């Protein structure tokens, strides 16, 4: 796992890397951290006492599993949807521009989950699943638990004529087809993990 894994905690980056990997300057690095150190780092970031951190090891895969044990992990999937004009579908939820995604249900593949959630949240059903873009991790508190949302993202093509229908019960209040040249303006009011999805997608093009 040479590429750093990033967990976004309150929009700050917790890096899990191979020892010696270069990351953001000015944030502390903890090499081969024990569980107590990991818990302190997570709590400090969650309570806005730490602007970021690097956890490093010669076995970052094992370190990542060690870190995940400090969370309740939920798996989700979603999509970055484009139409024939090259516009990108973005949803407005809880004060931020976002991409449609949702929780993986038992009995379905992760690809089926991604398509189902996009359809449910946007009302679009004329979509074709494309390649996986990336996986992201972000933290949020829920009923006293530290939840780690593991989201798998796919590119999808929309080829239909149906209109978008926001899923109000999921707090979606607006859906827009955003022209490619305007996406960066919307990302100013988005999340770091969504910015990460767009960055990886651009690298694939």
N, C-alpha and C. Protein backbone atom coordinates (compact mmCIF):
# COMPACT_ATOMS: atom_id res chain seq x y z
N UNK A 1 0.86 -1.19 0.00
CA UNK A 1 0.00 0.00 0.00
C UNK A 1 0.90 1.24 0.00
N UNK A 2 1.51 1.50 -1.12
CA UNK A 2 2.42 2.64 -1.22
C UNK A 2 1.67 3.97 -1.26
N UNK A 3 0.49 3.96 -1.88
CA UNK A 3 -0.33 5.18 -1.92
C UNK A 3 -0.94 5.42 -0.54
N UNK A 4 -0.80 6.61 0.00
CA UNK A 4 -1.36 6.85 1.34
C UNK A 4 -2.87 6.61 1.39
N UNK A 5 -3.31 6.02 2.46
CA UNK A 5 -4.74 5.95 2.76
C UNK A 5 -5.06 7.15 3.64
N UNK A 6 -6.15 7.86 3.31
CA UNK A 6 -6.53 9.05 4.07
C UNK A 6 -7.91 8.84 4.67
N UNK A 7 -8.00 9.05 5.97
CA UNK A 7 -9.29 9.12 6.65
C UNK A 7 -9.55 10.60 6.94
N UNK A 8 -10.67 11.10 6.44
CA UNK A 8 -11.01 12.51 6.68
C UNK A 8 -11.82 12.61 7.97
N UNK A 9 -11.26 13.36 8.92
CA UNK A 9 -11.90 13.58 10.22
C UNK A 9 -12.11 15.08 10.37
N UNK A 10 -13.38 15.50 10.36
CA UNK A 10 -13.70 16.94 10.40
C UNK A 10 -12.93 17.71 9.31
N UNK A 11 -12.90 17.10 8.12
CA UNK A 11 -12.28 17.72 6.94
C UNK A 11 -10.76 17.84 7.06
N UNK A 12 -10.19 17.14 8.01
CA UNK A 12 -8.74 17.10 8.16
C UNK A 12 -8.25 15.70 7.83
N UNK A 13 -6.99 15.59 7.42
CA UNK A 13 -6.47 14.33 6.90
C UNK A 13 -5.69 13.56 7.95
N UNK A 14 -6.11 12.31 8.16
CA UNK A 14 -5.34 11.34 8.92
C UNK A 14 -4.74 10.37 7.92
N UNK A 15 -3.44 10.47 7.72
CA UNK A 15 -2.74 9.65 6.73
C UNK A 15 -2.27 8.34 7.37
N UNK A 16 -2.40 7.27 6.62
CA UNK A 16 -1.83 5.98 7.00
C UNK A 16 -0.89 5.57 5.86
N UNK A 17 0.42 5.53 6.17
CA UNK A 17 1.41 5.45 5.11
C UNK A 17 2.54 4.48 5.46
N UNK A 18 3.30 4.16 4.43
CA UNK A 18 4.55 3.43 4.62
C UNK A 18 5.57 4.38 5.25
N UNK A 19 6.34 3.90 6.18
CA UNK A 19 7.31 4.74 6.88
C UNK A 19 8.19 5.50 5.89
N UNK A 20 8.28 6.81 6.08
CA UNK A 20 9.11 7.64 5.23
C UNK A 20 8.38 8.30 4.09
N UNK A 21 7.09 7.98 3.90
CA UNK A 21 6.30 8.60 2.82
C UNK A 21 6.08 10.08 3.12
N UNK A 22 6.27 10.92 2.11
CA UNK A 22 6.06 12.36 2.28
C UNK A 22 4.57 12.68 2.21
N UNK A 23 4.11 13.50 3.17
CA UNK A 23 2.71 13.94 3.19
C UNK A 23 2.69 15.44 3.46
N UNK A 24 1.59 15.94 4.04
CA UNK A 24 1.48 17.36 4.34
C UNK A 24 2.57 17.79 5.33
N UNK A 25 3.16 18.92 5.06
CA UNK A 25 4.17 19.45 5.98
C UNK A 25 3.48 20.02 7.22
N UNK A 26 4.15 19.90 8.34
CA UNK A 26 3.69 20.58 9.54
C UNK A 26 2.71 19.82 10.40
N UNK A 27 2.40 18.56 10.04
CA UNK A 27 1.54 17.77 10.92
C UNK A 27 2.37 16.64 11.52
N UNK A 28 2.05 16.23 12.75
CA UNK A 28 2.89 15.25 13.43
C UNK A 28 2.78 13.86 12.82
N UNK A 29 3.90 13.12 12.91
CA UNK A 29 3.93 11.73 12.43
C UNK A 29 4.18 10.82 13.62
N UNK A 30 3.46 9.70 13.63
CA UNK A 30 3.60 8.70 14.68
C UNK A 30 3.96 7.38 14.00
N UNK A 31 5.19 6.95 14.20
CA UNK A 31 5.66 5.72 13.57
C UNK A 31 5.36 4.52 14.48
N UNK A 32 4.77 3.49 13.87
CA UNK A 32 4.38 2.28 14.61
C UNK A 32 3.58 2.62 15.87
N UNK A 33 2.51 3.38 15.74
CA UNK A 33 1.75 3.79 16.92
C UNK A 33 1.05 2.61 17.59
N UNK A 34 0.96 2.67 18.91
CA UNK A 34 0.17 1.66 19.61
C UNK A 34 -1.29 2.11 19.65
N UNK A 35 -2.15 1.25 20.21
CA UNK A 35 -3.59 1.55 20.20
C UNK A 35 -3.92 2.81 20.99
N UNK A 36 -3.20 3.05 22.07
CA UNK A 36 -3.46 4.24 22.87
C UNK A 36 -3.14 5.50 22.08
N UNK A 37 -2.05 5.48 21.34
CA UNK A 37 -1.68 6.64 20.52
C UNK A 37 -2.70 6.86 19.42
N UNK A 38 -3.11 5.78 18.78
CA UNK A 38 -4.11 5.89 17.71
C UNK A 38 -5.40 6.50 18.27
N UNK A 39 -5.85 6.02 19.42
CA UNK A 39 -7.08 6.54 20.03
C UNK A 39 -6.95 8.02 20.35
N UNK A 40 -5.80 8.43 20.85
CA UNK A 40 -5.58 9.84 21.19
C UNK A 40 -5.61 10.70 19.94
N UNK A 41 -4.95 10.25 18.87
CA UNK A 41 -4.94 11.01 17.62
C UNK A 41 -6.35 11.17 17.07
N UNK A 42 -7.10 10.08 17.04
CA UNK A 42 -8.48 10.15 16.51
C UNK A 42 -9.32 11.09 17.36
N UNK A 43 -9.24 10.97 18.67
CA UNK A 43 -10.04 11.84 19.55
C UNK A 43 -9.65 13.30 19.41
N UNK A 44 -8.35 13.56 19.32
CA UNK A 44 -7.91 14.95 19.18
C UNK A 44 -8.37 15.55 17.86
N UNK A 45 -8.33 14.78 16.79
CA UNK A 45 -8.82 15.30 15.51
C UNK A 45 -10.33 15.47 15.53
N UNK A 46 -11.04 14.53 16.14
CA UNK A 46 -12.50 14.62 16.21
C UNK A 46 -12.95 15.80 17.05
N UNK A 47 -12.12 16.20 18.02
CA UNK A 47 -12.45 17.33 18.89
C UNK A 47 -11.75 18.62 18.49
N UNK A 48 -11.25 18.64 17.25
CA UNK A 48 -10.62 19.84 16.67
C UNK A 48 -9.41 20.31 17.46
N UNK A 49 -8.70 19.39 18.09
CA UNK A 49 -7.48 19.72 18.83
C UNK A 49 -6.22 19.44 18.02
N UNK A 50 -6.40 18.81 16.85
CA UNK A 50 -5.26 18.42 16.02
C UNK A 50 -5.65 18.63 14.56
N UNK A 51 -4.79 19.31 13.80
CA UNK A 51 -5.12 19.67 12.43
C UNK A 51 -4.85 18.57 11.41
N UNK A 52 -4.32 17.47 11.87
CA UNK A 52 -4.02 16.35 11.00
C UNK A 52 -2.92 15.53 11.61
N UNK A 53 -2.69 14.34 11.05
CA UNK A 53 -1.65 13.47 11.59
C UNK A 53 -1.27 12.43 10.55
N UNK A 54 -0.07 11.89 10.74
CA UNK A 54 0.43 10.80 9.91
C UNK A 54 0.71 9.61 10.81
N UNK A 55 0.12 8.48 10.49
CA UNK A 55 0.44 7.23 11.15
C UNK A 55 1.22 6.39 10.16
N UNK A 56 2.42 5.96 10.54
CA UNK A 56 3.29 5.25 9.59
C UNK A 56 3.75 3.92 10.13
N UNK A 57 4.06 3.02 9.19
CA UNK A 57 4.51 1.70 9.56
C UNK A 57 5.15 1.05 8.34
N UNK A 58 6.00 0.06 8.58
CA UNK A 58 6.54 -0.72 7.47
C UNK A 58 5.49 -1.69 6.93
N UNK A 59 4.37 -1.82 7.62
CA UNK A 59 3.23 -2.64 7.17
C UNK A 59 1.96 -1.81 7.28
N UNK A 60 1.77 -0.86 6.35
CA UNK A 60 0.61 0.04 6.47
C UNK A 60 -0.73 -0.66 6.34
N UNK A 61 -0.78 -1.79 5.64
CA UNK A 61 -2.04 -2.53 5.56
C UNK A 61 -2.48 -3.00 6.95
N UNK A 62 -1.52 -3.56 7.69
CA UNK A 62 -1.85 -4.00 9.05
C UNK A 62 -2.18 -2.82 9.95
N UNK A 63 -1.47 -1.72 9.77
CA UNK A 63 -1.75 -0.51 10.55
C UNK A 63 -3.16 0.00 10.27
N UNK A 64 -3.57 -0.04 9.02
CA UNK A 64 -4.91 0.41 8.66
C UNK A 64 -5.97 -0.45 9.36
N UNK A 65 -5.76 -1.76 9.39
CA UNK A 65 -6.70 -2.63 10.08
C UNK A 65 -6.73 -2.30 11.57
N UNK A 66 -5.59 -1.97 12.13
CA UNK A 66 -5.50 -1.58 13.54
C UNK A 66 -6.29 -0.29 13.78
N UNK A 67 -6.18 0.66 12.86
CA UNK A 67 -6.92 1.93 12.99
C UNK A 67 -8.41 1.69 12.85
N UNK A 68 -8.81 0.87 11.89
CA UNK A 68 -10.24 0.62 11.68
C UNK A 68 -10.92 0.01 12.90
N UNK A 69 -10.14 -0.71 13.71
CA UNK A 69 -10.72 -1.32 14.91
C UNK A 69 -11.20 -0.28 15.92
N UNK A 70 -10.81 0.97 15.74
CA UNK A 70 -11.25 2.05 16.64
C UNK A 70 -12.59 2.66 16.19
N UNK A 71 -13.12 2.16 15.09
CA UNK A 71 -14.36 2.71 14.53
C UNK A 71 -15.40 1.61 14.34
N UNK A 72 -16.65 2.06 14.19
CA UNK A 72 -17.69 1.23 13.60
C UNK A 72 -17.68 1.51 12.10
N UNK A 73 -17.37 0.50 11.31
CA UNK A 73 -17.19 0.70 9.88
C UNK A 73 -18.50 0.43 9.13
N UNK A 74 -18.92 1.38 8.31
CA UNK A 74 -20.08 1.22 7.43
C UNK A 74 -19.61 1.36 5.99
N UNK A 75 -20.09 0.45 5.14
CA UNK A 75 -19.70 0.46 3.72
C UNK A 75 -20.83 1.06 2.90
N UNK A 76 -20.46 1.94 1.98
CA UNK A 76 -21.42 2.60 1.10
C UNK A 76 -20.86 2.62 -0.31
N UNK A 77 -21.72 2.95 -1.26
CA UNK A 77 -21.27 3.07 -2.65
C UNK A 77 -22.09 4.14 -3.34
N UNK A 78 -21.49 4.75 -4.35
CA UNK A 78 -22.18 5.81 -5.07
C UNK A 78 -21.51 6.09 -6.39
N UNK A 79 -21.92 7.21 -7.02
CA UNK A 79 -21.43 7.46 -8.35
C UNK A 79 -21.23 8.91 -8.71
N UNK A 80 -20.27 9.11 -9.58
CA UNK A 80 -20.08 10.37 -10.27
C UNK A 80 -20.69 10.18 -11.65
N UNK A 81 -21.83 10.83 -11.86
CA UNK A 81 -22.63 10.61 -13.07
C UNK A 81 -22.40 11.74 -14.04
N UNK A 82 -22.15 11.41 -15.31
CA UNK A 82 -22.02 12.42 -16.36
C UNK A 82 -23.04 12.14 -17.45
N UNK A 83 -23.44 13.20 -18.16
CA UNK A 83 -24.36 13.05 -19.29
C UNK A 83 -23.59 13.22 -20.61
N UNK A 84 -24.24 13.04 -21.76
CA UNK A 84 -23.53 13.13 -23.03
C UNK A 84 -22.85 14.48 -23.28
N UNK A 85 -23.34 15.54 -22.62
CA UNK A 85 -22.73 16.87 -22.79
C UNK A 85 -21.49 17.04 -21.90
N UNK A 86 -21.21 16.05 -21.03
CA UNK A 86 -20.07 16.15 -20.13
C UNK A 86 -20.37 16.82 -18.81
N UNK A 87 -21.65 17.13 -18.56
CA UNK A 87 -22.03 17.72 -17.29
C UNK A 87 -21.99 16.66 -16.19
N UNK A 88 -21.75 17.11 -14.95
CA UNK A 88 -21.66 16.21 -13.80
C UNK A 88 -22.85 16.44 -12.88
N UNK A 89 -23.45 15.34 -12.42
CA UNK A 89 -24.59 15.43 -11.51
C UNK A 89 -24.11 15.65 -10.08
N UNK A 90 -24.58 16.72 -9.44
CA UNK A 90 -24.25 16.97 -8.04
C UNK A 90 -25.53 17.23 -7.26
N UNK A 91 -25.52 16.78 -6.01
CA UNK A 91 -26.69 16.95 -5.14
C UNK A 91 -26.33 17.90 -4.01
N UNK A 92 -27.34 18.62 -3.50
CA UNK A 92 -27.13 19.54 -2.38
C UNK A 92 -27.82 18.96 -1.16
N UNK A 93 -27.01 18.63 -0.16
CA UNK A 93 -27.52 17.95 1.04
C UNK A 93 -26.81 18.49 2.27
N UNK A 94 -27.59 18.87 3.27
CA UNK A 94 -27.05 19.35 4.55
C UNK A 94 -26.02 20.46 4.36
N UNK A 95 -26.34 21.38 3.46
CA UNK A 95 -25.53 22.57 3.29
C UNK A 95 -24.29 22.40 2.44
N UNK A 96 -24.12 21.23 1.79
CA UNK A 96 -22.93 20.97 0.98
C UNK A 96 -23.31 20.34 -0.35
N UNK A 97 -22.47 20.61 -1.36
CA UNK A 97 -22.61 19.91 -2.63
C UNK A 97 -21.92 18.56 -2.52
N UNK A 98 -22.61 17.53 -2.97
CA UNK A 98 -22.19 16.16 -2.70
C UNK A 98 -22.45 15.31 -3.94
N UNK A 99 -22.09 14.05 -3.86
CA UNK A 99 -22.41 13.07 -4.89
C UNK A 99 -23.32 12.01 -4.28
N UNK A 100 -24.21 11.43 -5.09
CA UNK A 100 -25.14 10.44 -4.53
C UNK A 100 -24.43 9.16 -4.12
N UNK A 101 -24.78 8.67 -2.95
CA UNK A 101 -24.23 7.41 -2.43
C UNK A 101 -25.12 6.94 -1.30
N UNK A 102 -24.92 5.70 -0.89
CA UNK A 102 -25.69 5.20 0.23
C UNK A 102 -25.19 3.86 0.72
N UNK A 103 -25.78 3.39 1.80
CA UNK A 103 -25.32 2.21 2.53
C UNK A 103 -25.52 0.93 1.72
N UNK A 104 -24.53 0.09 1.80
CA UNK A 104 -24.54 -1.22 1.15
C UNK A 104 -25.45 -2.16 1.94
N UNK A 105 -26.42 -2.77 1.26
CA UNK A 105 -27.35 -3.69 1.89
C UNK A 105 -26.89 -5.13 1.70
N UNK A 106 -27.23 -5.96 2.67
CA UNK A 106 -26.93 -7.39 2.56
C UNK A 106 -27.60 -7.97 1.32
N UNK A 107 -26.89 -8.87 0.65
CA UNK A 107 -27.48 -9.57 -0.48
C UNK A 107 -27.26 -8.92 -1.83
N UNK A 108 -26.63 -7.75 -1.87
CA UNK A 108 -26.36 -7.09 -3.13
C UNK A 108 -24.86 -6.91 -3.31
N UNK A 109 -24.44 -6.83 -4.57
CA UNK A 109 -23.04 -6.52 -4.82
C UNK A 109 -22.81 -5.04 -4.58
N UNK A 110 -21.55 -4.67 -4.42
CA UNK A 110 -21.26 -3.25 -4.20
C UNK A 110 -21.61 -2.43 -5.44
N UNK A 111 -21.49 -3.04 -6.62
CA UNK A 111 -21.88 -2.34 -7.85
C UNK A 111 -23.39 -2.12 -7.90
N UNK A 112 -24.16 -3.13 -7.49
CA UNK A 112 -25.62 -2.98 -7.43
C UNK A 112 -26.00 -1.90 -6.44
N UNK A 113 -25.30 -1.85 -5.33
CA UNK A 113 -25.56 -0.81 -4.33
C UNK A 113 -25.34 0.57 -4.93
N UNK A 114 -24.23 0.76 -5.65
CA UNK A 114 -23.92 2.06 -6.22
C UNK A 114 -25.02 2.53 -7.17
N UNK A 115 -25.46 1.64 -8.06
CA UNK A 115 -26.51 2.01 -9.02
C UNK A 115 -27.83 2.27 -8.30
N UNK A 116 -28.18 1.40 -7.36
CA UNK A 116 -29.45 1.58 -6.63
C UNK A 116 -29.48 2.90 -5.89
N UNK A 117 -28.40 3.23 -5.21
CA UNK A 117 -28.38 4.46 -4.42
C UNK A 117 -28.46 5.70 -5.32
N UNK A 118 -27.76 5.68 -6.44
CA UNK A 118 -27.84 6.82 -7.36
C UNK A 118 -29.27 6.97 -7.86
N UNK A 119 -29.91 5.86 -8.22
CA UNK A 119 -31.29 5.91 -8.70
C UNK A 119 -32.23 6.44 -7.62
N UNK A 120 -32.09 5.92 -6.39
CA UNK A 120 -32.99 6.33 -5.31
C UNK A 120 -32.81 7.80 -4.96
N UNK A 121 -31.58 8.28 -4.94
CA UNK A 121 -31.34 9.64 -4.48
C UNK A 121 -31.59 10.70 -5.55
N UNK A 122 -31.56 10.30 -6.82
CA UNK A 122 -31.69 11.29 -7.90
C UNK A 122 -32.90 11.10 -8.79
N UNK A 123 -33.53 9.91 -8.76
CA UNK A 123 -34.64 9.63 -9.64
C UNK A 123 -34.23 9.21 -11.04
N UNK A 124 -32.95 9.11 -11.30
CA UNK A 124 -32.46 8.72 -12.62
C UNK A 124 -32.29 7.20 -12.69
N UNK A 125 -32.82 6.59 -13.74
CA UNK A 125 -32.67 5.15 -13.89
C UNK A 125 -31.98 4.76 -15.19
N UNK A 126 -31.81 5.72 -16.11
CA UNK A 126 -31.11 5.42 -17.37
C UNK A 126 -29.61 5.66 -17.19
N UNK A 127 -29.03 4.87 -16.30
CA UNK A 127 -27.61 5.03 -16.01
C UNK A 127 -26.87 3.72 -16.26
N UNK A 128 -25.65 3.84 -16.75
CA UNK A 128 -24.80 2.69 -17.03
C UNK A 128 -23.58 2.75 -16.14
N UNK A 129 -23.33 1.65 -15.46
CA UNK A 129 -22.19 1.59 -14.55
C UNK A 129 -20.88 1.56 -15.33
N UNK A 130 -19.95 2.41 -14.92
CA UNK A 130 -18.63 2.44 -15.51
C UNK A 130 -17.59 1.93 -14.54
N UNK A 131 -16.32 2.30 -14.73
CA UNK A 131 -15.25 1.80 -13.88
C UNK A 131 -15.25 2.41 -12.48
N UNK A 132 -14.64 1.68 -11.56
CA UNK A 132 -14.46 2.22 -10.21
C UNK A 132 -13.47 3.38 -10.27
N UNK A 133 -13.79 4.46 -9.56
CA UNK A 133 -12.92 5.62 -9.51
C UNK A 133 -11.95 5.52 -8.34
N UNK A 134 -12.50 5.33 -7.15
CA UNK A 134 -11.65 5.31 -5.95
C UNK A 134 -12.48 4.84 -4.77
N UNK A 135 -11.83 4.76 -3.62
CA UNK A 135 -12.50 4.50 -2.35
C UNK A 135 -12.11 5.61 -1.38
N UNK A 136 -13.06 6.07 -0.60
CA UNK A 136 -12.78 7.13 0.36
C UNK A 136 -13.22 6.70 1.75
N UNK A 137 -12.64 7.38 2.76
CA UNK A 137 -12.95 7.09 4.16
C UNK A 137 -13.17 8.41 4.88
N UNK A 138 -14.30 8.52 5.57
CA UNK A 138 -14.48 9.70 6.42
C UNK A 138 -15.22 9.32 7.69
N UNK A 139 -14.94 10.09 8.72
CA UNK A 139 -15.49 9.86 10.06
C UNK A 139 -16.69 10.76 10.31
N UNK A 140 -17.64 10.21 11.08
CA UNK A 140 -18.67 11.07 11.67
C UNK A 140 -19.19 10.41 12.95
N UNK A 141 -19.60 11.21 13.91
CA UNK A 141 -20.15 10.64 15.15
C UNK A 141 -21.62 10.29 14.96
N UNK A 142 -22.05 9.18 15.56
CA UNK A 142 -23.46 8.79 15.46
C UNK A 142 -23.84 8.00 16.70
N UNK A 143 -24.74 8.58 17.51
CA UNK A 143 -25.26 7.92 18.71
C UNK A 143 -24.14 7.41 19.60
N UNK A 144 -23.15 8.27 19.80
CA UNK A 144 -22.06 7.93 20.70
C UNK A 144 -20.98 7.05 20.09
N UNK A 145 -21.13 6.70 18.82
CA UNK A 145 -20.15 5.85 18.15
C UNK A 145 -19.30 6.69 17.20
N UNK A 146 -18.08 6.22 17.00
CA UNK A 146 -17.22 6.79 15.96
C UNK A 146 -17.40 5.95 14.71
N UNK A 147 -18.06 6.51 13.72
CA UNK A 147 -18.36 5.77 12.49
C UNK A 147 -17.33 6.12 11.43
N UNK A 148 -16.83 5.09 10.76
CA UNK A 148 -15.95 5.27 9.60
C UNK A 148 -16.72 4.84 8.37
N UNK A 149 -17.05 5.80 7.53
CA UNK A 149 -17.78 5.49 6.30
C UNK A 149 -16.78 5.17 5.20
N UNK A 150 -16.83 3.94 4.73
CA UNK A 150 -15.99 3.48 3.63
C UNK A 150 -16.84 3.49 2.37
N UNK A 151 -16.55 4.43 1.47
CA UNK A 151 -17.37 4.61 0.27
C UNK A 151 -16.59 4.20 -0.98
N UNK A 152 -17.25 3.40 -1.82
CA UNK A 152 -16.67 2.98 -3.10
C UNK A 152 -17.39 3.76 -4.19
N UNK A 153 -16.60 4.39 -5.06
CA UNK A 153 -17.16 5.32 -6.05
C UNK A 153 -16.93 4.82 -7.46
N UNK A 154 -17.98 4.94 -8.29
CA UNK A 154 -17.92 4.54 -9.69
C UNK A 154 -18.29 5.69 -10.60
N UNK A 155 -17.73 5.67 -11.79
CA UNK A 155 -18.22 6.58 -12.83
C UNK A 155 -19.44 5.95 -13.47
N UNK A 156 -20.45 6.76 -13.77
CA UNK A 156 -21.67 6.29 -14.42
C UNK A 156 -22.04 7.25 -15.54
N UNK A 157 -22.63 6.68 -16.59
CA UNK A 157 -23.12 7.47 -17.73
C UNK A 157 -24.63 7.52 -17.71
N UNK A 158 -25.17 8.73 -17.87
CA UNK A 158 -26.62 8.91 -17.99
C UNK A 158 -26.97 9.12 -19.45
N UNK A 159 -27.90 8.33 -19.96
CA UNK A 159 -28.26 8.41 -21.39
C UNK A 159 -29.75 8.60 -21.60
N UNK A 160 -30.49 8.89 -20.54
CA UNK A 160 -31.94 8.98 -20.66
C UNK A 160 -32.44 10.41 -20.81
N UNK A 161 -33.74 10.58 -20.59
CA UNK A 161 -34.38 11.90 -20.70
C UNK A 161 -35.15 12.26 -19.42
N UNK A 162 -35.17 11.37 -18.43
CA UNK A 162 -35.95 11.64 -17.23
C UNK A 162 -35.36 12.81 -16.45
N UNK A 163 -36.22 13.47 -15.71
CA UNK A 163 -35.80 14.58 -14.87
C UNK A 163 -35.37 14.07 -13.50
N UNK A 164 -34.52 14.84 -12.86
CA UNK A 164 -34.06 14.46 -11.54
C UNK A 164 -35.16 14.68 -10.51
N UNK A 165 -35.19 13.81 -9.50
CA UNK A 165 -36.15 13.91 -8.39
C UNK A 165 -35.37 13.75 -7.09
N UNK A 166 -35.14 14.82 -6.33
CA UNK A 166 -34.37 14.71 -5.08
C UNK A 166 -35.08 13.81 -4.07
N UNK A 167 -34.32 12.95 -3.41
CA UNK A 167 -34.86 12.10 -2.36
C UNK A 167 -34.91 12.92 -1.06
N UNK A 168 -36.05 13.54 -0.82
CA UNK A 168 -36.19 14.48 0.29
C UNK A 168 -35.92 13.82 1.63
N UNK A 169 -36.33 12.55 1.77
CA UNK A 169 -36.14 11.87 3.05
C UNK A 169 -34.67 11.64 3.38
N UNK A 170 -33.80 11.80 2.39
CA UNK A 170 -32.35 11.73 2.62
C UNK A 170 -31.73 13.13 2.66
N UNK A 171 -32.59 14.13 2.91
CA UNK A 171 -32.15 15.53 3.09
C UNK A 171 -31.57 16.15 1.82
N UNK A 172 -31.90 15.60 0.67
CA UNK A 172 -31.44 16.19 -0.60
C UNK A 172 -32.46 17.24 -1.03
N UNK A 173 -32.02 18.47 -1.17
CA UNK A 173 -32.94 19.57 -1.47
C UNK A 173 -32.76 20.11 -2.88
N UNK A 174 -31.67 19.74 -3.54
CA UNK A 174 -31.45 20.24 -4.90
C UNK A 174 -30.53 19.27 -5.64
N UNK A 175 -30.73 19.17 -6.94
CA UNK A 175 -29.87 18.38 -7.82
C UNK A 175 -29.58 19.23 -9.05
N UNK A 176 -28.34 19.29 -9.45
CA UNK A 176 -27.98 20.08 -10.63
C UNK A 176 -27.02 19.31 -11.52
N UNK A 177 -27.19 19.51 -12.84
CA UNK A 177 -26.19 19.10 -13.80
C UNK A 177 -25.20 20.26 -13.92
N UNK A 178 -23.98 20.02 -13.51
CA UNK A 178 -22.97 21.08 -13.44
C UNK A 178 -22.03 20.97 -14.63
N UNK A 179 -21.85 22.06 -15.34
CA UNK A 179 -20.91 22.07 -16.45
C UNK A 179 -19.50 21.83 -15.93
N UNK A 180 -18.71 21.12 -16.71
CA UNK A 180 -17.37 20.72 -16.26
C UNK A 180 -16.54 21.90 -15.81
N UNK A 181 -16.65 23.02 -16.51
CA UNK A 181 -15.82 24.18 -16.17
C UNK A 181 -16.27 24.86 -14.88
N UNK A 182 -17.46 24.48 -14.38
CA UNK A 182 -17.97 25.10 -13.15
C UNK A 182 -17.84 24.20 -11.91
N UNK A 183 -17.36 22.98 -12.10
CA UNK A 183 -17.31 22.03 -10.99
C UNK A 183 -16.48 22.56 -9.82
N UNK A 184 -15.34 23.18 -10.11
CA UNK A 184 -14.47 23.66 -9.03
C UNK A 184 -15.18 24.67 -8.14
N UNK A 185 -16.09 25.45 -8.71
CA UNK A 185 -16.83 26.43 -7.90
C UNK A 185 -17.74 25.71 -6.89
N UNK A 186 -18.32 24.61 -7.33
CA UNK A 186 -19.19 23.83 -6.44
C UNK A 186 -18.37 23.12 -5.37
N UNK A 187 -17.17 22.68 -5.73
CA UNK A 187 -16.33 21.96 -4.78
C UNK A 187 -15.83 22.85 -3.65
N UNK A 188 -15.92 24.17 -3.83
CA UNK A 188 -15.60 25.07 -2.72
C UNK A 188 -16.58 24.88 -1.56
N UNK A 189 -17.75 24.30 -1.86
CA UNK A 189 -18.79 24.09 -0.86
C UNK A 189 -19.11 22.60 -0.77
N UNK A 190 -18.06 21.80 -0.75
CA UNK A 190 -18.21 20.35 -0.70
C UNK A 190 -17.33 19.78 0.40
N UNK A 191 -17.02 18.50 0.29
CA UNK A 191 -16.23 17.79 1.29
C UNK A 191 -14.90 17.35 0.70
N UNK A 192 -13.91 17.14 1.57
CA UNK A 192 -12.60 16.71 1.09
C UNK A 192 -12.67 15.36 0.38
N UNK A 193 -13.50 14.44 0.88
CA UNK A 193 -13.56 13.15 0.21
C UNK A 193 -14.18 13.26 -1.18
N UNK A 194 -15.11 14.21 -1.37
CA UNK A 194 -15.70 14.41 -2.69
C UNK A 194 -14.68 15.06 -3.63
N UNK A 195 -13.90 15.98 -3.11
CA UNK A 195 -12.81 16.57 -3.91
C UNK A 195 -11.85 15.47 -4.35
N UNK A 196 -11.58 14.53 -3.43
CA UNK A 196 -10.70 13.40 -3.75
C UNK A 196 -11.27 12.56 -4.88
N UNK A 197 -12.58 12.33 -4.88
CA UNK A 197 -13.21 11.56 -5.95
C UNK A 197 -13.02 12.25 -7.30
N UNK A 198 -13.24 13.56 -7.33
CA UNK A 198 -13.06 14.30 -8.58
C UNK A 198 -11.60 14.28 -9.03
N UNK A 199 -10.67 14.40 -8.09
CA UNK A 199 -9.25 14.36 -8.46
C UNK A 199 -8.90 13.02 -9.10
N UNK A 200 -9.35 11.92 -8.51
CA UNK A 200 -9.04 10.60 -9.06
C UNK A 200 -9.72 10.41 -10.42
N UNK A 201 -10.94 10.95 -10.56
CA UNK A 201 -11.66 10.82 -11.83
C UNK A 201 -10.91 11.57 -12.95
N UNK A 202 -10.43 12.75 -12.65
CA UNK A 202 -9.68 13.53 -13.64
C UNK A 202 -8.43 12.78 -14.07
N UNK A 203 -7.79 12.07 -13.13
CA UNK A 203 -6.60 11.31 -13.47
C UNK A 203 -6.91 10.15 -14.41
N UNK A 204 -8.15 9.64 -14.35
CA UNK A 204 -8.55 8.53 -15.20
C UNK A 204 -8.86 8.95 -16.62
N UNK A 205 -9.22 10.21 -16.81
CA UNK A 205 -9.68 10.68 -18.13
C UNK A 205 -8.53 10.78 -19.12
